[in-house]
Amino acid sequence: MLAFQNQENNEDTSMGIEVGGILGLIWLIIVIWAIIKTAQSSAGPVAKVLWILILLFLPLLGLILWLLLGPKR
């Protein structure tokens, strides 16, 4: 009975890791896309560097700020 419970817990943990890995990969792709769009924008070089640094060091907040206030085409 105890061995069965441990096996069950291990399956739950691995499933959580897989979902986190997939969501993490999706998030990474979105942040990379935002960095590429920033680099291709018509903003000045200093603004581009600042936005890219914000996206790298503050991924969640940086992406939200970039979507609201970031450089436009």
Protein backbone atom coordinates (compact mmCIF):
# COMPACT_ATOMS: atom_id res chain seq x y z
CA MET A 1 0.00 0.00 0.00
CA LEU A 2 2.77 2.45 0.90
CA ALA A 3 4.72 1.60 -2.26
CA PHE A 4 1.61 2.24 -4.34
CA GLN A 5 1.17 5.69 -2.78
CA ASN A 6 4.78 6.62 -3.53
CA GLN A 7 4.37 5.55 -7.15
CA GLU A 8 1.22 7.66 -7.40
CA ASN A 9 3.00 10.72 -6.00
CA ASN A 10 5.88 10.30 -8.45
CA GLU A 11 3.46 10.26 -11.38
CA ASP A 12 1.78 13.46 -10.17
CA THR A 13 5.11 15.20 -9.81
CA SER A 14 6.35 14.22 -13.26
CA MET A 15 3.09 15.39 -14.84
CA GLY A 16 3.45 18.78 -13.14
CA ILE A 17 7.02 19.09 -14.38
CA GLU A 18 5.98 18.28 -17.95
CA VAL A 19 3.23 20.90 -17.94
CA GLY A 20 5.59 23.46 -16.41
CA GLY A 21 8.18 22.61 -19.05
CA ILE A 22 5.72 23.11 -21.89
CA LEU A 23 4.42 26.40 -20.45
CA GLY A 24 7.97 27.54 -19.83
CA LEU A 25 8.89 26.78 -23.43
CA ILE A 26 5.87 28.70 -24.72
CA TRP A 27 6.78 31.65 -22.47
CA LEU A 28 10.39 31.57 -23.72
CA ILE A 29 9.19 31.62 -27.34
CA ILE A 30 6.95 34.63 -26.62
CA VAL A 31 9.77 36.56 -24.94
CA ILE A 32 12.17 35.76 -27.81
CA TRP A 33 9.53 36.95 -30.28
CA ALA A 34 9.18 40.22 -28.33
CA ILE A 35 12.97 40.70 -28.35
CA ILE A 36 13.12 40.13 -32.12
CA LYS A 37 10.23 42.55 -32.72
CA THR A 38 11.99 45.14 -30.54
CA ALA A 39 15.27 44.72 -32.43
CA GLN A 40 13.43 45.16 -35.76
CA SER A 41 11.47 48.23 -34.63
CA SER A 42 12.23 51.78 -35.71
CA ALA A 43 13.02 52.83 -32.13
CA GLY A 44 16.42 54.32 -31.37
CA PRO A 45 19.31 52.08 -30.35
CA VAL A 46 19.19 53.10 -26.68
CA ALA A 47 15.46 52.38 -26.48
CA LYS A 48 15.96 48.98 -28.12
CA VAL A 49 18.69 48.01 -25.67
CA LEU A 50 16.59 49.14 -22.69
CA TRP A 51 13.54 47.18 -23.83
CA ILE A 52 15.59 44.06 -24.50
CA LEU A 53 17.20 44.30 -21.05
CA ILE A 54 13.77 44.75 -19.46
CA LEU A 55 12.46 41.71 -21.32
CA LEU A 56 15.45 39.61 -20.26
CA PHE A 57 15.59 40.58 -16.59
CA LEU A 58 11.87 41.01 -15.89
CA PRO A 59 10.19 38.52 -18.24
CA LEU A 60 6.61 38.71 -16.93
CA LEU A 61 6.45 42.39 -16.05
CA GLY A 62 8.67 43.29 -18.99
CA LEU A 63 6.42 41.54 -21.49
CA ILE A 64 3.31 43.23 -20.09
CA LEU A 65 5.02 46.65 -20.20
CA TRP A 66 6.33 45.93 -23.70
CA LEU A 67 2.83 45.05 -24.93
CA LEU A 68 1.40 48.26 -23.44
CA LEU A 69 4.22 50.76 -23.91
CA GLY A 70 6.82 49.15 -26.17
CA PRO A 71 8.11 50.46 -29.46
CA LYS A 72 5.63 50.42 -32.29
CA ARG A 73 6.53 49.79 -35.92
